[in-house]
Amino acid sequence: METWKRKYVILLIIVVCVLAVLQVTTEAKKIYQYKFYYYRKKPKVEKKFRAARLLCINSDECKGLEGLSLTNCWRVCMAAHCYDEIYAPDELEQGEIDVRSNSFKGCWLKSLPDMNRANL
């Protein structure tokens, strides 16, 4: 009877360990989903985007900031609602490749008044 209890305890420990490993691996595979906005690179749009970005970089709110803080600042300055939709739920980390930048540009472009978009 004693060996049956040992086998049961060992089996229980193995099951708990396997479940713990599975939980860790599934958490690591979670991919952040963000709202996608279509954006197609066009010279006029890129020029307007860079001009708006430069205005925000030189604004009082963003002066003196560097790196990721500066990037977040000019994005909020350009289109706070786009930043809130795309970046706020899962902010970029230092060194992370920004795969959401085109969605941000698409959101920003969509937020422009229709008469400004017609000229682009």
PDB file of N, CA and C in Angstrom:
ATOM      1  N   MET A   1       0.824  -1.192   0.000  1.00  0.00           N
ATOM      2  CA  MET A   1       0.000   0.000   0.000  1.00  0.00           C
ATOM      3  C   MET A   1       0.865   1.251   0.000  1.00  0.00           C
ATOM      4  N   GLU A   2       1.985   1.183   0.651  1.00  0.00           N
ATOM      5  CA  GLU A   2       2.922   2.301   0.765  1.00  0.00           C
ATOM      6  C   GLU A   2       3.469   2.699  -0.606  1.00  0.00           C
ATOM      7  N   THR A   3       3.791   1.743  -1.460  1.00  0.00           N
ATOM      8  CA  THR A   3       4.324   2.038  -2.788  1.00  0.00           C
ATOM      9  C   THR A   3       3.272   2.688  -3.680  1.00  0.00           C
ATOM     10  N   TRP A   4       2.022   2.338  -3.509  1.00  0.00           N
ATOM     11  CA  TRP A   4       0.942   2.939  -4.270  1.00  0.00           C
ATOM     12  C   TRP A   4       0.847   4.431  -3.960  1.00  0.00           C
ATOM     13  N   LYS A   5       0.999   4.808  -2.694  1.00  0.00           N
ATOM     14  CA  LYS A   5       0.940   6.210  -2.297  1.00  0.00           C
ATOM     15  C   LYS A   5       2.116   6.985  -2.884  1.00  0.00           C
ATOM     16  N   ARG A   6       3.298   6.396  -2.875  1.00  0.00           N
ATOM     17  CA  ARG A   6       4.481   7.045  -3.447  1.00  0.00           C
ATOM     18  C   ARG A   6       4.290   7.292  -4.946  1.00  0.00           C
ATOM     19  N   LYS A   7       3.800   6.273  -5.650  1.00  0.00           N
ATOM     20  CA  LYS A   7       3.574   6.412  -7.079  1.00  0.00           C
ATOM     21  C   LYS A   7       2.542   7.499  -7.358  1.00  0.00           C
ATOM     22  N   TYR A   8       1.511   7.563  -6.549  1.00  0.00           N
ATOM     23  CA  TYR A   8       0.473   8.567  -6.697  1.00  0.00           C
ATOM     24  C   TYR A   8       1.050   9.970  -6.477  1.00  0.00           C
ATOM     25  N   VAL A   9       1.858  10.152  -5.452  1.00  0.00           N
ATOM     26  CA  VAL A   9       2.475  11.453  -5.149  1.00  0.00           C
ATOM     27  C   VAL A   9       3.432  11.868  -6.273  1.00  0.00           C
ATOM     28  N   ILE A  10       4.229  10.928  -6.753  1.00  0.00           N
ATOM     29  CA  ILE A  10       5.166  11.218  -7.843  1.00  0.00           C
ATOM     30  C   ILE A  10       4.396  11.602  -9.107  1.00  0.00           C
ATOM     31  N   LEU A  11       3.345  10.863  -9.414  1.00  0.00           N
ATOM     32  CA  LEU A  11       2.525  11.172 -10.581  1.00  0.00           C
ATOM     33  C   LEU A  11       1.877  12.549 -10.445  1.00  0.00           C
ATOM     34  N   LEU A  12       1.413  12.872  -9.287  1.00  0.00           N
ATOM     35  CA  LEU A  12       0.798  14.168  -9.026  1.00  0.00           C
ATOM     36  C   LEU A  12       1.812  15.295  -9.218  1.00  0.00           C
ATOM     37  N   ILE A  13       3.027  15.095  -8.728  1.00  0.00           N
ATOM     38  CA  ILE A  13       4.087  16.099  -8.884  1.00  0.00           C
ATOM     39  C   ILE A  13       4.421  16.292 -10.362  1.00  0.00           C
ATOM     40  N   ILE A  14       4.500  15.218 -11.127  1.00  0.00           N
ATOM     41  CA  ILE A  14       4.803  15.299 -12.558  1.00  0.00           C
ATOM     42  C   ILE A  14       3.700  16.066 -13.293  1.00  0.00           C
ATOM     43  N   VAL A  15       2.458  15.780 -12.977  1.00  0.00           N
ATOM     44  CA  VAL A  15       1.333  16.456 -13.627  1.00  0.00           C
ATOM     45  C   VAL A  15       1.367  17.956 -13.331  1.00  0.00           C
ATOM     46  N   VAL A  16       1.622  18.323 -12.096  1.00  0.00           N
ATOM     47  CA  VAL A  16       1.689  19.732 -11.716  1.00  0.00           C
ATOM     48  C   VAL A  16       2.834  20.432 -12.460  1.00  0.00           C
ATOM     49  N   CYS A  17       3.989  19.778 -12.554  1.00  0.00           N
ATOM     50  CA  CYS A  17       5.136  20.351 -13.272  1.00  0.00           C
ATOM     51  C   CYS A  17       4.825  20.543 -14.757  1.00  0.00           C
ATOM     52  N   VAL A  18       4.195  19.553 -15.368  1.00  0.00           N
ATOM     53  CA  VAL A  18       3.847  19.656 -16.786  1.00  0.00           C
ATOM     54  C   VAL A  18       2.855  20.798 -17.008  1.00  0.00           C
ATOM     55  N   LEU A  19       1.871  20.918 -16.153  1.00  0.00           N
ATOM     56  CA  LEU A  19       0.904  22.008 -16.276  1.00  0.00           C
ATOM     57  C   LEU A  19       1.569  23.371 -16.105  1.00  0.00           C
ATOM     58  N   ALA A  20       2.505  23.478 -15.193  1.00  0.00           N
ATOM     59  CA  ALA A  20       3.223  24.739 -14.989  1.00  0.00           C
ATOM     60  C   ALA A  20       4.041  25.107 -16.226  1.00  0.00           C
ATOM     61  N   VAL A  21       4.707  24.138 -16.810  1.00  0.00           N
ATOM     62  CA  VAL A  21       5.499  24.391 -18.022  1.00  0.00           C
ATOM     63  C   VAL A  21       4.588  24.810 -19.175  1.00  0.00           C
ATOM     64  N   LEU A  22       3.459  24.156 -19.327  1.00  0.00           N
ATOM     65  CA  LEU A  22       2.517  24.509 -20.391  1.00  0.00           C
ATOM     66  C   LEU A  22       1.987  25.924 -20.222  1.00  0.00           C
ATOM     67  N   GLN A  23       1.720  26.314 -19.007  1.00  0.00           N
ATOM     68  CA  GLN A  23       1.213  27.660 -18.753  1.00  0.00           C
ATOM     69  C   GLN A  23       2.262  28.709 -19.114  1.00  0.00           C
ATOM     70  N   VAL A  24       3.503  28.477 -18.761  1.00  0.00           N
ATOM     71  CA  VAL A  24       4.575  29.419 -19.073  1.00  0.00           C
ATOM     72  C   VAL A  24       4.763  29.538 -20.578  1.00  0.00           C
ATOM     73  N   THR A  25       4.739  28.439 -21.304  1.00  0.00           N
ATOM     74  CA  THR A  25       4.950  28.493 -22.753  1.00  0.00           C
ATOM     75  C   THR A  25       3.781  29.139 -23.471  1.00  0.00           C
ATOM     76  N   THR A  26       2.561  28.938 -23.008  1.00  0.00           N
ATOM     77  CA  THR A  26       1.423  29.582 -23.667  1.00  0.00           C
ATOM     78  C   THR A  26       1.411  31.075 -23.385  1.00  0.00           C
ATOM     79  N   GLU A  27       1.847  31.509 -22.220  1.00  0.00           N
ATOM     80  CA  GLU A  27       1.928  32.939 -21.935  1.00  0.00           C
ATOM     81  C   GLU A  27       2.976  33.605 -22.807  1.00  0.00           C
ATOM     82  N   ALA A  28       4.051  32.925 -23.087  1.00  0.00           N
ATOM     83  CA  ALA A  28       5.121  33.490 -23.907  1.00  0.00           C
ATOM     84  C   ALA A  28       4.683  33.636 -25.357  1.00  0.00           C
ATOM     85  N   LYS A  29       3.721  32.852 -25.807  1.00  0.00           N
ATOM     86  CA  LYS A  29       3.288  32.891 -27.193  1.00  0.00           C
ATOM     87  C   LYS A  29       2.184  33.903 -27.458  1.00  0.00           C
ATOM     88  N   LYS A  30       1.690  34.604 -26.451  1.00  0.00           N
ATOM     89  CA  LYS A  30       0.636  35.582 -26.656  1.00  0.00           C
ATOM     90  C   LYS A  30       1.176  36.720 -27.508  1.00  0.00           C
ATOM     91  N   ILE A  31       0.446  37.049 -28.539  1.00  0.00           N
ATOM     92  CA  ILE A  31       0.845  38.124 -29.444  1.00  0.00           C
ATOM     93  C   ILE A  31      -0.123  39.272 -29.255  1.00  0.00           C
ATOM     94  N   TYR A  32       0.435  40.460 -29.098  1.00  0.00           N
ATOM     95  CA  TYR A  32      -0.388  41.646 -28.918  1.00  0.00           C
ATOM     96  C   TYR A  32      -1.103  41.990 -30.219  1.00  0.00           C
ATOM     97  N   GLN A  33      -2.387  42.156 -30.159  1.00  0.00           N
ATOM     98  CA  GLN A  33      -3.180  42.549 -31.317  1.00  0.00           C
ATOM     99  C   GLN A  33      -3.475  44.039 -31.220  1.00  0.00           C
ATOM    100  N   TYR A  34      -3.191  44.767 -32.266  1.00  0.00           N
ATOM    101  CA  TYR A  34      -3.466  46.201 -32.277  1.00  0.00           C
ATOM    102  C   TYR A  34      -4.370  46.519 -33.462  1.00  0.00           C
ATOM    103  N   LYS A  35      -5.029  47.670 -33.388  1.00  0.00           N
ATOM    104  CA  LYS A  35      -5.910  48.069 -34.464  1.00  0.00           C
ATOM    105  C   LYS A  35      -5.068  48.399 -35.690  1.00  0.00           C
ATOM    106  N   PHE A  36      -5.430  47.826 -36.824  1.00  0.00           N
ATOM    107  CA  PHE A  36      -4.674  48.009 -38.052  1.00  0.00           C
ATOM    108  C   PHE A  36      -5.315  49.097 -38.902  1.00  0.00           C
ATOM    109  N   TYR A  37      -4.492  50.019 -39.374  1.00  0.00           N
ATOM    110  CA  TYR A  37      -4.919  51.038 -40.330  1.00  0.00           C
ATOM    111  C   TYR A  37      -4.064  50.889 -41.578  1.00  0.00           C
ATOM    112  N   TYR A  38      -4.710  50.947 -42.723  1.00  0.00           N
ATOM    113  CA  TYR A  38      -3.988  50.826 -43.980  1.00  0.00           C
ATOM    114  C   TYR A  38      -3.170  52.092 -44.227  1.00  0.00           C
ATOM    115  N   TYR A  39      -1.951  51.916 -44.691  1.00  0.00           N
ATOM    116  CA  TYR A  39      -1.097  53.046 -45.042  1.00  0.00           C
ATOM    117  C   TYR A  39      -0.227  52.664 -46.218  1.00  0.00           C
ATOM    118  N   ARG A  40      -0.278  53.475 -47.261  1.00  0.00           N
ATOM    119  CA  ARG A  40       0.566  53.271 -48.428  1.00  0.00           C
ATOM    120  C   ARG A  40       1.490  54.470 -48.560  1.00  0.00           C
ATOM    121  N   LYS A  41       2.772  54.207 -48.639  1.00  0.00           N
ATOM    122  CA  LYS A  41       3.769  55.273 -48.722  1.00  0.00           C
ATOM    123  C   LYS A  41       3.616  56.051 -50.015  1.00  0.00           C
ATOM    124  N   LYS A  42       3.444  57.359 -49.863  1.00  0.00           N
ATOM    125  CA  LYS A  42       3.406  58.268 -51.008  1.00  0.00           C
ATOM    126  C   LYS A  42       4.283  59.460 -50.643  1.00  0.00           C
ATOM    127  N   PRO A  43       5.046  59.979 -51.587  1.00  0.00           N
ATOM    128  CA  PRO A  43       5.959  61.089 -51.266  1.00  0.00           C
ATOM    129  C   PRO A  43       5.287  62.292 -50.606  1.00  0.00           C
ATOM    130  N   LYS A  44       4.111  62.693 -51.100  1.00  0.00           N
ATOM    131  CA  LYS A  44       3.428  63.857 -50.512  1.00  0.00           C
ATOM    132  C   LYS A  44       3.010  63.586 -49.069  1.00  0.00           C
ATOM    133  N   VAL A  45       2.513  62.382 -48.822  1.00  0.00           N
ATOM    134  CA  VAL A  45       2.066  62.021 -47.475  1.00  0.00           C
ATOM    135  C   VAL A  45       3.264  61.944 -46.526  1.00  0.00           C
ATOM    136  N   GLU A  46       4.348  61.331 -46.995  1.00  0.00           N
ATOM    137  CA  GLU A  46       5.563  61.231 -46.176  1.00  0.00           C
ATOM    138  C   GLU A  46       6.102  62.615 -45.824  1.00  0.00           C
ATOM    139  N   LYS A  47       6.079  63.518 -46.781  1.00  0.00           N
ATOM    140  CA  LYS A  47       6.562  64.883 -46.550  1.00  0.00           C
ATOM    141  C   LYS A  47       5.694  65.585 -45.500  1.00  0.00           C
ATOM    142  N   LYS A  48       4.398  65.443 -45.622  1.00  0.00           N
ATOM    143  CA  LYS A  48       3.477  66.060 -44.659  1.00  0.00           C
ATOM    144  C   LYS A  48       3.648  65.427 -43.274  1.00  0.00           C
ATOM    145  N   PHE A  49       3.839  64.101 -43.234  1.00  0.00           N
ATOM    146  CA  PHE A  49       4.041  63.410 -41.961  1.00  0.00           C
ATOM    147  C   PHE A  49       5.319  63.898 -41.283  1.00  0.00           C
ATOM    148  N   ARG A  50       6.411  63.987 -42.042  1.00  0.00           N
ATOM    149  CA  ARG A  50       7.687  64.443 -41.474  1.00  0.00           C
ATOM    150  C   ARG A  50       7.585  65.880 -40.966  1.00  0.00           C
ATOM    151  N   ALA A  51       6.858  66.732 -41.700  1.00  0.00           N
ATOM    152  CA  ALA A  51       6.689  68.124 -41.273  1.00  0.00           C
ATOM    153  C   ALA A  51       5.907  68.194 -39.957  1.00  0.00           C
ATOM    154  N   ALA A  52       4.832  67.423 -39.855  1.00  0.00           N
ATOM    155  CA  ALA A  52       4.027  67.410 -38.624  1.00  0.00           C
ATOM    156  C   ALA A  52       4.831  66.842 -37.468  1.00  0.00           C
ATOM    157  N   ARG A  53       5.609  65.801 -37.748  1.00  0.00           N
ATOM    158  CA  ARG A  53       6.459  65.189 -36.723  1.00  0.00           C
ATOM    159  C   ARG A  53       7.499  66.181 -36.213  1.00  0.00           C
ATOM    160  N   LEU A  54       8.116  66.923 -37.121  1.00  0.00           N
ATOM    161  CA  LEU A  54       9.121  67.913 -36.745  1.00  0.00           C
ATOM    162  C   LEU A  54       8.522  69.023 -35.889  1.00  0.00           C
ATOM    163  N   LEU A  55       7.301  69.454 -36.224  1.00  0.00           N
ATOM    164  CA  LEU A  55       6.622  70.458 -35.399  1.00  0.00           C
ATOM    165  C   LEU A  55       6.432  69.953 -33.970  1.00  0.00           C
ATOM    166  N   CYS A  56       6.045  68.702 -33.852  1.00  0.00           N
ATOM    167  CA  CYS A  56       5.828  68.130 -32.521  1.00  0.00           C
ATOM    168  C   CYS A  56       7.146  67.936 -31.774  1.00  0.00           C
ATOM    169  N   ILE A  57       8.182  67.514 -32.462  1.00  0.00           N
ATOM    170  CA  ILE A  57       9.487  67.322 -31.818  1.00  0.00           C
ATOM    171  C   ILE A  57      10.002  68.633 -31.258  1.00  0.00           C
ATOM    172  N   ASN A  58       9.738  69.731 -31.975  1.00  0.00           N
ATOM    173  CA  ASN A  58      10.205  71.045 -31.533  1.00  0.00           C
ATOM    174  C   ASN A  58       9.233  71.749 -30.590  1.00  0.00           C
ATOM    175  N   SER A  59       8.132  71.110 -30.258  1.00  0.00           N
ATOM    176  CA  SER A  59       7.160  71.716 -29.340  1.00  0.00           C
ATOM    177  C   SER A  59       7.709  71.741 -27.918  1.00  0.00           C
ATOM    178  N   ASP A  60       7.106  72.564 -27.087  1.00  0.00           N
ATOM    179  CA  ASP A  60       7.546  72.695 -25.686  1.00  0.00           C
ATOM    180  C   ASP A  60       7.415  71.385 -24.917  1.00  0.00           C
ATOM    181  N   GLU A  61       6.371  70.597 -25.242  1.00  0.00           N
ATOM    182  CA  GLU A  61       6.142  69.345 -24.519  1.00  0.00           C
ATOM    183  C   GLU A  61       7.251  68.326 -24.771  1.00  0.00           C
ATOM    184  N   CYS A  62       7.820  68.342 -25.970  1.00  0.00           N
ATOM    185  CA  CYS A  62       8.788  67.301 -26.343  1.00  0.00           C
ATOM    186  C   CYS A  62      10.252  67.757 -26.251  1.00  0.00           C
ATOM    187  N   LYS A  63      10.469  69.040 -26.063  1.00  0.00           N
ATOM    188  CA  LYS A  63      11.856  69.518 -25.996  1.00  0.00           C
ATOM    189  C   LYS A  63      12.583  68.881 -24.825  1.00  0.00           C
ATOM    190  N   GLY A  64      13.814  68.493 -25.072  1.00  0.00           N
ATOM    191  CA  GLY A  64      14.647  67.912 -24.021  1.00  0.00           C
ATOM    192  C   GLY A  64      14.488  66.414 -23.851  1.00  0.00           C
ATOM    193  N   LEU A  65      13.529  65.831 -24.527  1.00  0.00           N
ATOM    194  CA  LEU A  65      13.336  64.383 -24.425  1.00  0.00           C
ATOM    195  C   LEU A  65      14.202  63.675 -25.451  1.00  0.00           C
ATOM    196  N   GLU A  66      14.530  62.434 -25.165  1.00  0.00           N
ATOM    197  CA  GLU A  66      15.351  61.636 -26.082  1.00  0.00           C
ATOM    198  C   GLU A  66      14.800  60.224 -26.186  1.00  0.00           C
ATOM    199  N   GLY A  67      15.199  59.555 -27.240  1.00  0.00           N
ATOM    200  CA  GLY A  67      14.883  58.145 -27.406  1.00  0.00           C
ATOM    201  C   GLY A  67      13.400  57.844 -27.446  1.00  0.00           C
ATOM    202  N   LEU A  68      13.014  56.824 -26.719  1.00  0.00           N
ATOM    203  CA  LEU A  68      11.637  56.348 -26.711  1.00  0.00           C
ATOM    204  C   LEU A  68      10.672  57.375 -26.127  1.00  0.00           C
ATOM    205  N   SER A  69      11.128  58.136 -25.148  1.00  0.00           N
ATOM    206  CA  SER A  69      10.273  59.179 -24.568  1.00  0.00           C
ATOM    207  C   SER A  69       9.931  60.233 -25.610  1.00  0.00           C
ATOM    208  N   LEU A  70      10.907  60.599 -26.426  1.00  0.00           N
ATOM    209  CA  LEU A  70      10.671  61.573 -27.497  1.00  0.00           C
ATOM    210  C   LEU A  70       9.720  60.999 -28.544  1.00  0.00           C
ATOM    211  N   THR A  71       9.923  59.759 -28.913  1.00  0.00           N
ATOM    212  CA  THR A  71       9.052  59.113 -29.899  1.00  0.00           C
ATOM    213  C   THR A  71       7.609  59.073 -29.409  1.00  0.00           C
ATOM    214  N   ASN A  72       7.417  58.677 -28.157  1.00  0.00           N
ATOM    215  CA  ASN A  72       6.062  58.646 -27.594  1.00  0.00           C
ATOM    216  C   ASN A  72       5.464  60.040 -27.548  1.00  0.00           C
ATOM    217  N   CYS A  73       6.278  61.030 -27.219  1.00  0.00           N
ATOM    218  CA  CYS A  73       5.798  62.405 -27.110  1.00  0.00           C
ATOM    219  C   CYS A  73       5.301  62.923 -28.457  1.00  0.00           C
ATOM    220  N   TRP A  74       6.110  62.773 -29.519  1.00  0.00           N
ATOM    221  CA  TRP A  74       5.645  63.310 -30.802  1.00  0.00           C
ATOM    222  C   TRP A  74       4.454  62.533 -31.351  1.00  0.00           C
ATOM    223  N   ARG A  75       4.343  61.266 -31.016  1.00  0.00           N
ATOM    224  CA  ARG A  75       3.166  60.513 -31.470  1.00  0.00           C
ATOM    225  C   ARG A  75       1.897  61.009 -30.777  1.00  0.00           C
ATOM    226  N   VAL A  76       1.996  61.258 -29.490  1.00  0.00           N
ATOM    227  CA  VAL A  76       0.844  61.792 -28.750  1.00  0.00           C
ATOM    228  C   VAL A  76       0.497  63.173 -29.287  1.00  0.00           C
ATOM    229  N   CYS A  77       1.523  63.978 -29.555  1.00  0.00           N
ATOM    230  CA  CYS A  77       1.321  65.324 -30.083  1.00  0.00           C
ATOM    231  C   CYS A  77       0.627  65.295 -31.447  1.00  0.00           C
ATOM    232  N   MET A  78       1.044  64.386 -32.314  1.00  0.00           N
ATOM    233  CA  MET A  78       0.481  64.320 -33.666  1.00  0.00           C
ATOM    234  C   MET A  78      -0.955  63.803 -33.680  1.00  0.00           C
ATOM    235  N   ALA A  79      -1.208  62.752 -32.925  1.00  0.00           N
ATOM    236  CA  ALA A  79      -2.545  62.138 -32.930  1.00  0.00           C
ATOM    237  C   ALA A  79      -2.710  61.322 -31.653  1.00  0.00           C
ATOM    238  N   ALA A  80      -3.187  61.976 -30.618  1.00  0.00           N
ATOM    239  CA  ALA A  80      -3.319  61.318 -29.311  1.00  0.00           C
ATOM    240  C   ALA A  80      -4.259  60.113 -29.380  1.00  0.00           C
ATOM    241  N   HIS A  81      -5.349  60.242 -30.124  1.00  0.00           N
ATOM    242  CA  HIS A  81      -6.290  59.110 -30.212  1.00  0.00           C
ATOM    243  C   HIS A  81      -5.660  57.912 -30.921  1.00  0.00           C
ATOM    244  N   CYS A  82      -4.804  58.162 -31.904  1.00  0.00           N
ATOM    245  CA  CYS A  82      -4.113  57.065 -32.588  1.00  0.00           C
ATOM    246  C   CYS A  82      -3.112  56.400 -31.642  1.00  0.00           C
ATOM    247  N   TYR A  83      -2.395  57.220 -30.880  1.00  0.00           N
ATOM    248  CA  TYR A  83      -1.450  56.668 -29.906  1.00  0.00           C
ATOM    249  C   TYR A  83      -2.197  55.803 -28.898  1.00  0.00           C
ATOM    250  N   ASP A  84      -3.336  56.309 -28.404  1.00  0.00           N
ATOM    251  CA  ASP A  84      -4.118  55.567 -27.417  1.00  0.00           C
ATOM    252  C   ASP A  84      -4.611  54.231 -27.972  1.00  0.00           C
ATOM    253  N   GLU A  85      -4.990  54.200 -29.226  1.00  0.00           N
ATOM    254  CA  GLU A  85      -5.487  52.962 -29.841  1.00  0.00           C
ATOM    255  C   GLU A  85      -4.379  51.958 -30.116  1.00  0.00           C
ATOM    256  N   ILE A  86      -3.234  52.459 -30.585  1.00  0.00           N
ATOM    257  CA  ILE A  86      -2.205  51.561 -31.110  1.00  0.00           C
ATOM    258  C   ILE A  86      -1.096  51.261 -30.113  1.00  0.00           C
ATOM    259  N   TYR A  87      -0.652  52.261 -29.364  1.00  0.00           N
ATOM    260  CA  TYR A  87       0.511  52.074 -28.501  1.00  0.00           C
ATOM    261  C   TYR A  87       0.211  52.020 -27.002  1.00  0.00           C
ATOM    262  N   ALA A  88      -0.783  52.749 -26.540  1.00  0.00           N
ATOM    263  CA  ALA A  88      -1.020  52.842 -25.097  1.00  0.00           C
ATOM    264  C   ALA A  88      -1.274  51.493 -24.418  1.00  0.00           C
ATOM    265  N   PRO A  89      -2.053  50.583 -25.008  1.00  0.00           N
ATOM    266  CA  PRO A  89      -2.286  49.303 -24.323  1.00  0.00           C
ATOM    267  C   PRO A  89      -1.023  48.461 -24.136  1.00  0.00           C
ATOM    268  N   ASP A  90      -0.058  48.603 -25.041  1.00  0.00           N
ATOM    269  CA  ASP A  90       1.184  47.833 -24.950  1.00  0.00           C
ATOM    270  C   ASP A  90       2.308  48.698 -25.518  1.00  0.00           C
ATOM    271  N   GLU A  91       2.858  49.560 -24.675  1.00  0.00           N
ATOM    272  CA  GLU A  91       3.848  50.527 -25.138  1.00  0.00           C
ATOM    273  C   GLU A  91       5.120  49.843 -25.622  1.00  0.00           C
ATOM    274  N   LEU A  92       5.787  50.513 -26.544  1.00  0.00           N
ATOM    275  CA  LEU A  92       7.059  50.009 -27.046  1.00  0.00           C
ATOM    276  C   LEU A  92       8.082  49.957 -25.927  1.00  0.00           C
ATOM    277  N   GLU A  93       8.956  48.993 -26.014  1.00  0.00           N
ATOM    278  CA  GLU A  93      10.056  48.891 -25.068  1.00  0.00           C
ATOM    279  C   GLU A  93      11.346  49.247 -25.786  1.00  0.00           C
ATOM    280  N   GLN A  94      12.336  49.668 -25.028  1.00  0.00           N
ATOM    281  CA  GLN A  94      13.621  50.036 -25.606  1.00  0.00           C
ATOM    282  C   GLN A  94      14.181  48.876 -26.425  1.00  0.00           C
ATOM    283  N   GLY A  95      14.524  49.143 -27.682  1.00  0.00           N
ATOM    284  CA  GLY A  95      15.095  48.121 -28.547  1.00  0.00           C
ATOM    285  C   GLY A  95      14.076  47.289 -29.305  1.00  0.00           C
ATOM    286  N   GLU A  96      12.799  47.442 -29.004  1.00  0.00           N
ATOM    287  CA  GLU A  96      11.760  46.686 -29.699  1.00  0.00           C
ATOM    288  C   GLU A  96      11.573  47.234 -31.107  1.00  0.00           C
ATOM    289  N   ILE A  97      11.427  46.355 -32.084  1.00  0.00           N
ATOM    290  CA  ILE A  97      11.172  46.776 -33.456  1.00  0.00           C
ATOM    291  C   ILE A  97       9.720  47.207 -33.555  1.00  0.00           C
ATOM    292  N   ASP A  98       9.494  48.399 -34.088  1.00  0.00           N
ATOM    293  CA  ASP A  98       8.158  48.966 -34.154  1.00  0.00           C
ATOM    294  C   ASP A  98       7.441  48.514 -35.421  1.00  0.00           C
ATOM    295  N   VAL A  99       6.622  47.494 -35.289  1.00  0.00           N
ATOM    296  CA  VAL A  99       5.857  46.987 -36.431  1.00  0.00           C
ATOM    297  C   VAL A  99       4.515  47.709 -36.568  1.00  0.00           C
ATOM    298  N   ARG A 100       4.218  48.594 -35.633  1.00  0.00           N
ATOM    299  CA  ARG A 100       2.939  49.302 -35.639  1.00  0.00           C
ATOM    300  C   ARG A 100       3.025  50.688 -36.261  1.00  0.00           C
ATOM    301  N   SER A 101       4.200  51.106 -36.691  1.00  0.00           N
ATOM    302  CA  SER A 101       4.376  52.483 -37.166  1.00  0.00           C
ATOM    303  C   SER A 101       3.516  52.797 -38.391  1.00  0.00           C
ATOM    304  N   ASN A 102       3.370  51.856 -39.319  1.00  0.00           N
ATOM    305  CA  ASN A 102       2.526  52.123 -40.483  1.00  0.00           C
ATOM    306  C   ASN A 102       1.051  52.248 -40.101  1.00  0.00           C
ATOM    307  N   SER A 103       0.611  51.491 -39.109  1.00  0.00           N
ATOM    308  CA  SER A 103      -0.765  51.640 -38.629  1.00  0.00           C
ATOM    309  C   SER A 103      -0.952  53.019 -37.996  1.00  0.00           C
ATOM    310  N   PHE A 104       0.067  53.482 -37.270  1.00  0.00           N
ATOM    311  CA  PHE A 104      -0.019  54.824 -36.692  1.00  0.00           C
ATOM    312  C   PHE A 104      -0.119  55.872 -37.801  1.00  0.00           C
ATOM    313  N   LYS A 105       0.694  55.724 -38.842  1.00  0.00           N
ATOM    314  CA  LYS A 105       0.648  56.676 -39.956  1.00  0.00           C
ATOM    315  C   LYS A 105      -0.715  56.624 -40.650  1.00  0.00           C
ATOM    316  N   GLY A 106      -1.255  55.436 -40.814  1.00  0.00           N
ATOM    317  CA  GLY A 106      -2.572  55.297 -41.426  1.00  0.00           C
ATOM    318  C   GLY A 106      -3.665  55.941 -40.586  1.00  0.00           C
ATOM    319  N   CYS A 107      -3.589  55.763 -39.287  1.00  0.00           N
ATOM    320  CA  CYS A 107      -4.558  56.385 -38.374  1.00  0.00           C
ATOM    321  C   CYS A 107      -4.422  57.896 -38.428  1.00  0.00           C
ATOM    322  N   TRP A 108      -3.182  58.386 -38.393  1.00  0.00           N
ATOM    323  CA  TRP A 108      -2.930  59.830 -38.465  1.00  0.00           C
ATOM    324  C   TRP A 108      -3.494  60.401 -39.761  1.00  0.00           C
ATOM    325  N   LEU A 109      -3.244  59.715 -40.871  1.00  0.00           N
ATOM    326  CA  LEU A 109      -3.730  60.181 -42.164  1.00  0.00           C
ATOM    327  C   LEU A 109      -5.252  60.208 -42.199  1.00  0.00           C
ATOM    328  N   LYS A 110      -5.856  59.190 -41.635  1.00  0.00           N
ATOM    329  CA  LYS A 110      -7.324  59.112 -41.596  1.00  0.00           C
ATOM    330  C   LYS A 110      -7.909  60.231 -40.738  1.00  0.00           C
ATOM    331  N   SER A 111      -7.149  60.679 -39.743  1.00  0.00           N
ATOM    332  CA  SER A 111      -7.656  61.714 -38.845  1.00  0.00           C
ATOM    333  C   SER A 111      -7.549  63.121 -39.431  1.00  0.00           C
ATOM    334  N   LEU A 112      -6.843  63.262 -40.560  1.00  0.00           N
ATOM    335  CA  LEU A 112      -6.748  64.575 -41.205  1.00  0.00           C
ATOM    336  C   LEU A 112      -8.104  64.947 -41.786  1.00  0.00           C
ATOM    337  N   PRO A 113      -8.404  66.236 -41.820  1.00  0.00           N
ATOM    338  CA  PRO A 113      -9.659  66.650 -42.479  1.00  0.00           C
ATOM    339  C   PRO A 113      -9.675  66.195 -43.938  1.00  0.00           C
ATOM    340  N   ASP A 114     -10.865  65.932 -44.464  1.00  0.00           N
ATOM    341  CA  ASP A 114     -11.007  65.404 -45.828  1.00  0.00           C
ATOM    342  C   ASP A 114     -10.357  66.300 -46.882  1.00  0.00           C
ATOM    343  N   MET A 115     -10.430  67.627 -46.708  1.00  0.00           N
ATOM    344  CA  MET A 115      -9.853  68.501 -47.726  1.00  0.00           C
ATOM    345  C   MET A 115      -8.333  68.396 -47.766  1.00  0.00           C
ATOM    346  N   ASN A 116      -7.691  68.103 -46.615  1.00  0.00           N
ATOM    347  CA  ASN A 116      -6.244  67.906 -46.601  1.00  0.00           C
ATOM    348  C   ASN A 116      -5.858  66.567 -47.229  1.00  0.00           C
ATOM    349  N   ARG A 117      -6.678  65.568 -47.026  1.00  0.00           N
ATOM    350  CA  ARG A 117      -6.383  64.245 -47.587  1.00  0.00           C
ATOM    351  C   ARG A 117      -6.568  64.234 -49.107  1.00  0.00           C
ATOM    352  N   ALA A 118      -7.484  65.044 -49.603  1.00  0.00           N
ATOM    353  CA  ALA A 118      -7.754  65.073 -51.037  1.00  0.00           C
ATOM    354  C   ALA A 118      -6.540  65.582 -51.812  1.00  0.00           C
ATOM    355  N   ASN A 119      -5.729  66.424 -51.199  1.00  0.00           N
ATOM    356  CA  ASN A 119      -4.552  66.990 -51.875  1.00  0.00           C
ATOM    357  C   ASN A 119      -3.346  66.071 -51.831  1.00  0.00           C
ATOM    358  N   LEU A 120      -3.446  64.934 -51.135  1.00  0.00           N
ATOM    359  CA  LEU A 120      -2.295  64.056 -50.997  1.00  0.00           C
ATOM    360  C   LEU A 120      -2.289  62.949 -52.007  1.00  0.00           C
TER     361      LEU A 120
END
